Every structure is written in structure tokens, then in C-alpha cells.
C-alpha atoms as a PDB file:
ATOM      1  CA  MET A   1     174.544  70.020  77.763  1.00  0.00           C
ATOM      2  CA  VAL A   2     172.310  72.723  78.681  1.00  0.00           C
ATOM      3  CA  THR A   3     169.266  71.213  76.762  1.00  0.00           C
ATOM      4  CA  ASP A   4     170.349  68.257  79.066  1.00  0.00           C
ATOM      5  CA  LEU A   5     170.363  70.100  82.439  1.00  0.00           C
ATOM      6  CA  VAL A   6     166.922  71.452  81.838  1.00  0.00           C
ATOM      7  CA  GLY A   7     165.566  68.225  80.615  1.00  0.00           C
ATOM      8  CA  THR A   8     166.630  66.734  83.409  1.00  0.00           C
ATOM      9  CA  LEU A   9     165.624  69.618  85.878  1.00  0.00           C
ATOM     10  CA  LEU A  10     162.002  69.396  83.965  1.00  0.00           C
ATOM     11  CA  GLU A  11     162.055  65.733  84.682  1.00  0.00           C
ATOM     12  CA  GLU A  12     162.194  66.118  88.252  1.00  0.00           C
ATOM     13  CA  LEU A  13     159.862  69.057  88.218  1.00  0.00           C
ATOM     14  CA  GLY A  14     157.405  67.203  86.711  1.00  0.00           C
ATOM     15  CA  ARG A  15     157.472  64.074  89.351  1.00  0.00           C
ATOM     16  CA  SER A  16     157.201  66.626  91.926  1.00  0.00           C
ATOM     17  CA  LEU A  17     154.275  68.161  90.257  1.00  0.00           C
ATOM     18  CA  LYS A  18     152.797  65.036  89.433  1.00  0.00           C
ATOM     19  CA  ILE A  19     152.768  66.246  85.858  1.00  0.00           C
ATOM     20  CA  ALA A  20     153.836  63.535  83.091  1.00  0.00           C
ATOM     21  CA  ASN A  21     156.319  64.248  79.871  1.00  0.00           C
ATOM     22  CA  LEU A  22     157.916  68.190  80.822  1.00  0.00           C
ATOM     23  CA  HIS A  23     160.526  68.534  78.210  1.00  0.00           C
ATOM     24  CA  PRO A  24     162.331  71.469  76.575  1.00  0.00           C
ATOM     25  CA  ASP A  25     161.190  72.644  73.106  1.00  0.00           C
ATOM     26  CA  SER A  26     164.231  73.748  70.753  1.00  0.00           C
ATOM     27  CA  ASN A  27     164.520  76.594  72.388  1.00  0.00           C
ATOM     28  CA  ASN A  28     165.347  74.945  75.865  1.00  0.00           C
ATOM     29  CA  SER A  29     161.267  76.351  77.149  1.00  0.00           C
ATOM     30  CA  CYS A  30     158.746  74.334  78.176  1.00  0.00           C
ATOM     31  CA  MET A  31     154.452  75.516  78.819  1.00  0.00           C
ATOM     32  CA  ILE A  32     152.955  74.050  81.959  1.00  0.00           C
ATOM     33  CA  ARG A  33     149.153  74.512  81.660  1.00  0.00           C
ATOM     34  CA  LEU A  34     148.104  73.958  85.312  1.00  0.00           C
ATOM     35  CA  GLU A  35     144.554  72.689  86.553  1.00  0.00           C
ATOM     36  CA  SER A  36     143.581  76.597  86.979  1.00  0.00           C
ATOM     37  CA  GLY A  37     143.879  77.147  83.188  1.00  0.00           C
ATOM     38  CA  LEU A  38     146.916  79.535  83.546  1.00  0.00           C
ATOM     39  CA  ILE A  39     150.221  78.708  81.410  1.00  0.00           C
ATOM     40  CA  ILE A  40     153.615  78.863  83.051  1.00  0.00           C
ATOM     41  CA  GLN A  41     156.454  79.331  80.825  1.00  0.00           C
ATOM     42  CA  ILE A  42     159.576  77.777  82.250  1.00  0.00           C
ATOM     43  CA  GLU A  43     163.309  78.532  79.991  1.00  0.00           C
ATOM     44  CA  LEU A  44     166.279  78.993  80.601  1.00  0.00           C
ATOM     45  CA  ASP A  45     168.069  82.574  80.608  1.00  0.00           C
ATOM     46  CA  LYS A  46     170.536  83.674  77.924  1.00  0.00           C
ATOM     47  CA  GLY A  47     173.357  83.513  80.354  1.00  0.00           C
ATOM     48  CA  ALA A  48     172.395  79.939  81.359  1.00  0.00           C
ATOM     49  CA  GLN A  49     172.414  81.194  84.987  1.00  0.00           C
ATOM     50  CA  PHE A  50     169.065  81.238  85.774  1.00  0.00           C
ATOM     51  CA  ILE A  51     165.500  79.189  85.040  1.00  0.00           C
ATOM     52  CA  LEU A  52     163.153  82.104  84.297  1.00  0.00           C
ATOM     53  CA  VAL A  53     159.336  81.099  85.400  1.00  0.00           C
ATOM     54  CA  GLY A  54     156.722  83.591  83.895  1.00  0.00           C
ATOM     55  CA  ALA A  55     153.181  84.022  83.199  1.00  0.00           C
ATOM     56  CA  ASP A  56     150.989  85.557  80.778  1.00  0.00           C
ATOM     57  CA  LEU A  57     148.263  87.581  83.137  1.00  0.00           C
ATOM     58  CA  GLY A  58     146.087  89.050  80.133  1.00  0.00           C
ATOM     59  CA  THR A  59     145.362  92.085  78.013  1.00  0.00           C
ATOM     60  CA  VAL A  60     145.452  95.710  80.355  1.00  0.00           C
ATOM     61  CA  PRO A  61     143.063  97.678  79.171  1.00  0.00           C
ATOM     62  CA  PRO A  62     143.942 101.572  78.571  1.00  0.00           C
ATOM     63  CA  GLY A  63     142.547 104.705  80.859  1.00  0.00           C
ATOM     64  CA  LYS A  64     142.235 104.754  84.495  1.00  0.00           C
ATOM     65  CA  TYR A  65     142.387 101.052  85.406  1.00  0.00           C
ATOM     66  CA  ARG A  66     145.473 100.716  83.855  1.00  0.00           C
ATOM     67  CA  GLU A  67     147.118 103.745  85.584  1.00  0.00           C
ATOM     68  CA  ASN A  68     145.290 102.044  89.325  1.00  0.00           C
ATOM     69  CA  LEU A  69     146.546  98.563  88.277  1.00  0.00           C
ATOM     70  CA  PHE A  70     149.918  99.599  87.328  1.00  0.00           C
ATOM     71  CA  ARG A  71     150.194 101.154  90.737  1.00  0.00           C
ATOM     72  CA  GLU A  72     149.302  98.425  92.581  1.00  0.00           C
ATOM     73  CA  ALA A  73     151.639  96.393  90.711  1.00  0.00           C
ATOM     74  CA  LEU A  74     154.635  98.730  91.783  1.00  0.00           C
ATOM     75  CA  LYS A  75     153.784  98.303  95.285  1.00  0.00           C
ATOM     76  CA  THR A  76     153.429  94.741  94.870  1.00  0.00           C
ATOM     77  CA  ASN A  77     157.416  94.408  93.861  1.00  0.00           C
ATOM     78  CA  ASP A  78     158.367  96.675  96.265  1.00  0.00           C
ATOM     79  CA  LEU A  79     157.293  94.386  98.884  1.00  0.00           C
ATOM     80  CA  PRO A  80     160.263  92.328 100.856  1.00  0.00           C
ATOM     81  CA  HIS A  81     161.654  88.741  99.661  1.00  0.00           C
ATOM     82  CA  PRO A  82     160.135  86.143  98.786  1.00  0.00           C
ATOM     83  CA  ASN A  83     158.114  88.175  96.741  1.00  0.00           C
ATOM     84  CA  HIS A  84     157.129  85.275  94.480  1.00  0.00           C
ATOM     85  CA  GLY A  85     157.752  86.876  91.143  1.00  0.00           C
ATOM     86  CA  ILE A  86     157.793  90.718  89.647  1.00  0.00           C
ATOM     87  CA  LEU A  87     155.088  92.276  87.612  1.00  0.00           C
ATOM     88  CA  CYS A  88     155.786  94.273  84.282  1.00  0.00           C
ATOM     89  CA  TYR A  89     154.066  95.395  81.375  1.00  0.00           C
ATOM     90  CA  SER A  90     155.019  93.931  77.789  1.00  0.00           C
ATOM     91  CA  LYS A  91     154.315  97.514  75.489  1.00  0.00           C
ATOM     92  CA  LYS A  92     154.676  94.701  72.300  1.00  0.00           C
ATOM     93  CA  SER A  93     151.478  92.720  73.710  1.00  0.00           C
ATOM     94  CA  ASP A  94     149.935  94.987  75.759  1.00  0.00           C
ATOM     95  CA  HIS A  95     149.559  91.957  78.608  1.00  0.00           C
ATOM     96  CA  LEU A  96     150.785  92.177  82.063  1.00  0.00           C
ATOM     97  CA  ILE A  97     153.142  89.610  83.071  1.00  0.00           C
ATOM     98  CA  LEU A  98     154.531  87.742  86.243  1.00  0.00           C
ATOM     99  CA  TYR A  99     158.122  86.461  85.873  1.00  0.00           C
ATOM    100  CA  GLN A 100     160.613  85.190  88.327  1.00  0.00           C
ATOM    101  CA  LYS A 101     164.797  84.690  88.124  1.00  0.00           C
ATOM    102  CA  ILE A 102     165.326  81.272  90.001  1.00  0.00           C
ATOM    103  CA  PHE A 103     169.378  80.921  90.368  1.00  0.00           C
ATOM    104  CA  LEU A 104     170.517  77.687  88.695  1.00  0.00           C
ATOM    105  CA  LYS A 105     173.316  76.604  91.104  1.00  0.00           C
ATOM    106  CA  ASP A 106     172.027  73.649  93.453  1.00  0.00           C
ATOM    107  CA  LEU A 107     168.570  73.990  91.612  1.00  0.00           C
ATOM    108  CA  ASN A 108     166.692  70.806  91.284  1.00  0.00           C
ATOM    109  CA  GLY A 109     162.908  70.214  90.307  1.00  0.00           C
ATOM    110  CA  GLU A 110     161.504  70.223  94.003  1.00  0.00           C
ATOM    111  CA  LYS A 111     163.178  73.766  94.150  1.00  0.00           C
ATOM    112  CA  ILE A 112     161.772  74.876  91.106  1.00  0.00           C
ATOM    113  CA  ALA A 113     158.221  73.577  92.546  1.00  0.00           C
ATOM    114  CA  ALA A 114     158.791  74.869  95.759  1.00  0.00           C
ATOM    115  CA  GLU A 115     158.826  77.963  93.940  1.00  0.00           C
ATOM    116  CA  ILE A 116     155.810  77.380  91.497  1.00  0.00           C
ATOM    117  CA  THR A 117     153.539  76.871  94.101  1.00  0.00           C
ATOM    118  CA  PRO A 118     153.338  80.981  95.203  1.00  0.00           C
ATOM    119  CA  PHE A 119     154.337  82.375  91.952  1.00  0.00           C
ATOM    120  CA  SER A 120     151.569  80.236  90.613  1.00  0.00           C
ATOM    121  CA  GLU A 121     148.682  81.679  93.110  1.00  0.00           C
ATOM    122  CA  LYS A 122     150.161  85.547  92.337  1.00  0.00           C
ATOM    123  CA  ALA A 123     149.764  84.415  89.131  1.00  0.00           C
ATOM    124  CA  TYR A 124     146.385  83.330  88.763  1.00  0.00           C
ATOM    125  CA  THR A 125     145.046  86.328  91.590  1.00  0.00           C
ATOM    126  CA  TRP A 126     145.884  88.144  89.362  1.00  0.00           C
ATOM    127  CA  SER A 127     144.883  87.103  86.084  1.00  0.00           C
ATOM    128  CA  GLU A 128     141.707  87.130  87.343  1.00  0.00           C
ATOM    129  CA  ALA A 129     141.663  90.269  88.601  1.00  0.00           C
ATOM    130  CA  ILE A 130     142.410  91.676  85.039  1.00  0.00           C
ATOM    131  CA  MET A 131     139.829  89.171  83.687  1.00  0.00           C
ATOM    132  CA  ARG A 132     137.117  91.267  86.178  1.00  0.00           C
ATOM    133  CA  ASN A 133     138.244  94.571  85.983  1.00  0.00           C
ATOM    134  CA  ASP A 134     139.499  94.738  89.331  1.00  0.00           C
ATOM    135  CA  ILE A 135     142.849  94.955  91.290  1.00  0.00           C
ATOM    136  CA  PRO A 136     144.301  92.595  93.663  1.00  0.00           C
ATOM    137  CA  ALA A 137     144.675  94.336  97.222  1.00  0.00           C
ATOM    138  CA  VAL A 138     148.575  94.130  98.023  1.00  0.00           C
ATOM    139  CA  ASN A 139     149.301  94.172 101.921  1.00  0.00           C
ATOM    140  CA  GLN A 140     150.058  96.972 102.794  1.00  0.00           C
ATOM    141  CA  SER A 141     152.067  96.303 106.380  1.00  0.00           C
ATOM    142  CA  PHE A 142     154.802  95.141 104.226  1.00  0.00           C
ATOM    143  CA  THR A 143     155.015  98.458 102.169  1.00  0.00           C
ATOM    144  CA  SER A 144     154.835 100.621 105.424  1.00  0.00           C
ATOM    145  CA  GLN A 145     157.722  98.788 107.693  1.00  0.00           C
ATOM    146  CA  LYS A 146     160.727 100.105 106.561  1.00  0.00           C
ATOM    147  CA  PRO A 147     163.796  98.609 108.884  1.00  0.00           C
ATOM    148  CA  GLY A 148     166.281 101.052 110.000  1.00  0.00           C
ATOM    149  CA  GLY A 149     169.750 100.539 110.584  1.00  0.00           C
ATOM    150  CA  MET A 150     171.730  96.902 110.447  1.00  0.00           C
ATOM    151  CA  PHE A 151     169.529  93.877 110.893  1.00  0.00           C
ATOM    152  CA  GLY A 152     166.138  95.902 110.852  1.00  0.00           C
ATOM    153  CA  LEU A 153     166.886  97.347 114.205  1.00  0.00           C
ATOM    154  CA  ILE A 154     166.068 100.335 115.490  1.00  0.00           C
ATOM    155  CA  ARG A 155     167.644 102.735 117.960  1.00  0.00           C
END
């Protein structure tokens, strides 16, 4: 049943993105290579409540660059919703990863496609920056705005 659900969602996603033959493997996972060369992995979480979307952004060399990149990644993770993915570091692979959880309830291929587009743009920006040993600029206007009171109203 879970495989059928993931298969159906991937089929719908394929139609939305105009990609043929999207189907889950034996682990209910699917890898999609985008035109940019970026590979996005889609899979069902262990609790079967979310679809996980992930992208490996590349190796982060140790040193001051890594420190500065991680600082900007933390700032990016603190941006308000929608932030189109969370940046994290895999100690095992020594890579920066971008992932997003999408609640499975009432999900369809079009909704996944709508999430994947800005997610893949963010992933591409960060992966290209890492390849150039550069740091993507974080929109500082969001991080400095802390709403006060209920509904963001201030006195």
C-alpha cells in the first residue's frame, strides 16, 4: 500500500514536471536528475507521514570557509516559512545537505512539484557556491525582523 501511494505520487509528479517513468525503488525512494545536473532524492519517511526531499550539495572543505558557510547556513535555516529546505551537515559524507519534509496528508504530484521548484533553486544556488568556494548571501531583511505580540503586531 505504501509503495502504491509513493508510486502514485511519483507518477503524478512526473506528469507535473514532464519527466517520464518516475517510480520508487525497493526502498520507496526515487532519484531525479534535473536539467541543472542537480540530483534530488524523494522518499517516504520511516513513519510514513512525510515525503522527504533531499539534495546533496557537495563536499565542504575544512577551515575558515567551512565555518563561514555553516554560519550562513544557520542564518538561512532561521528564515521564516517558507524557507524551502533545511541545510544540514553530514559528518559521515562530509557534505552539506538540503532537505525538506512535506506532510503526506492530502498530497499530490502538483503540490510536490510546487515545492520542488524553489527547493531545487535553493539547492542549485548552494551547490554552485560550494563548488566556487563562495558563500551565498542570505536575505538579511528577514532575519532582523522579529514580530512582536500576537499576529506580529507591536504596540
